[in-house]
Amino acid sequence: MQHEMGCGREKKIELQAQGLQPDTLFSDVIKRYLNEITPTKRGEKHEFNRLNRFLRHPVTDKYISDVSRRDI
């Protein structure tokens, strides 16, 4: 239990260091990426379609602090 709490704190610190708040939805991160990064890429149309399909997946309704490797 203590180890899990420590890992959770570490994850929150890591997210904040990347400019992300732990209470941010995964879908919000993907949408921001779609708006800011995807338009600058050569394969913009394909990436846009792929990420929009991914946004329908239930994992995108989780807070980023709750997303695990198992989810992805």
Protein backbone atom coordinates (compact mmCIF):
# COMPACT_ATOMS: atom_id res chain seq x y z
CA MET A 1 0.00 0.00 0.00
CA GLN A 2 2.80 2.43 0.92
CA HIS A 3 4.62 1.61 -2.33
CA GLU A 4 1.45 2.34 -4.37
CA MET A 5 1.02 5.71 -2.66
CA GLY A 6 4.64 6.60 -3.43
CA CYS A 7 4.21 5.65 -7.08
CA GLY A 8 1.07 7.78 -7.30
CA ARG A 9 2.90 10.80 -5.90
CA GLU A 10 5.80 10.24 -8.29
CA LYS A 11 3.43 10.08 -11.23
CA LYS A 12 1.75 13.36 -10.22
CA ILE A 13 5.12 15.10 -9.85
CA GLU A 14 6.23 13.78 -13.25
CA LEU A 15 3.02 15.00 -14.90
CA GLN A 16 3.37 18.45 -13.34
CA ALA A 17 6.98 18.65 -14.55
CA GLN A 18 5.63 18.11 -18.07
CA GLY A 19 3.14 20.94 -17.61
CA LEU A 20 0.15 18.64 -17.06
CA GLN A 21 -2.19 18.62 -14.10
CA PRO A 22 -3.10 15.18 -12.67
CA ASP A 23 -6.80 16.09 -12.83
CA THR A 24 -6.66 16.63 -16.61
CA LEU A 25 -8.67 14.20 -18.70
CA PHE A 26 -6.72 12.08 -21.16
CA SER A 27 -9.17 13.21 -23.87
CA ASP A 28 -8.23 16.86 -23.18
CA VAL A 29 -4.55 16.05 -23.71
CA ILE A 30 -5.32 14.32 -27.01
CA LYS A 31 -7.53 17.22 -28.17
CA ARG A 32 -4.80 19.71 -27.35
CA TYR A 33 -2.32 17.60 -29.31
CA LEU A 34 -4.79 17.47 -32.22
CA ASN A 35 -5.07 21.27 -32.24
CA GLU A 36 -1.44 22.20 -31.63
CA ILE A 37 0.78 19.43 -33.03
CA THR A 38 -1.15 17.43 -35.61
CA PRO A 39 -1.62 20.39 -38.03
CA THR A 40 2.18 20.74 -38.30
CA LYS A 41 2.70 17.17 -39.54
CA ARG A 42 2.86 15.84 -43.08
CA GLY A 43 0.43 13.01 -42.30
CA GLU A 44 -1.98 15.39 -40.61
CA LYS A 45 -5.16 13.96 -42.13
CA HIS A 46 -4.36 10.35 -41.19
CA GLU A 47 -3.25 11.24 -37.66
CA PHE A 48 -6.32 13.43 -37.18
CA ASN A 49 -8.63 10.56 -38.17
CA ARG A 50 -6.75 8.00 -36.07
CA LEU A 51 -6.77 10.16 -32.94
CA ASN A 52 -10.43 11.07 -33.36
CA ARG A 53 -11.27 7.35 -33.47
CA PHE A 54 -9.13 6.83 -30.37
CA LEU A 55 -11.11 9.55 -28.55
CA ARG A 56 -14.12 7.20 -28.63
CA HIS A 57 -12.24 4.69 -26.44
CA PRO A 58 -13.31 4.67 -22.75
CA VAL A 59 -9.72 5.14 -21.53
CA THR A 60 -9.85 8.74 -22.76
CA ASP A 61 -12.47 9.47 -20.09
CA LYS A 62 -9.89 8.84 -17.35
CA TYR A 63 -7.74 11.44 -15.66
CA ILE A 64 -4.18 11.24 -16.93
CA SER A 65 -2.99 10.42 -13.42
CA ASP A 66 -5.17 7.29 -13.53
CA VAL A 67 -4.07 6.02 -16.95
CA SER A 68 -1.71 3.07 -16.69
CA ARG A 69 0.37 1.11 -19.18
CA ARG A 70 -2.26 -1.59 -19.01
CA ASP A 71 -4.85 0.89 -20.33
CA ILE A 72 -2.79 1.65 -23.40
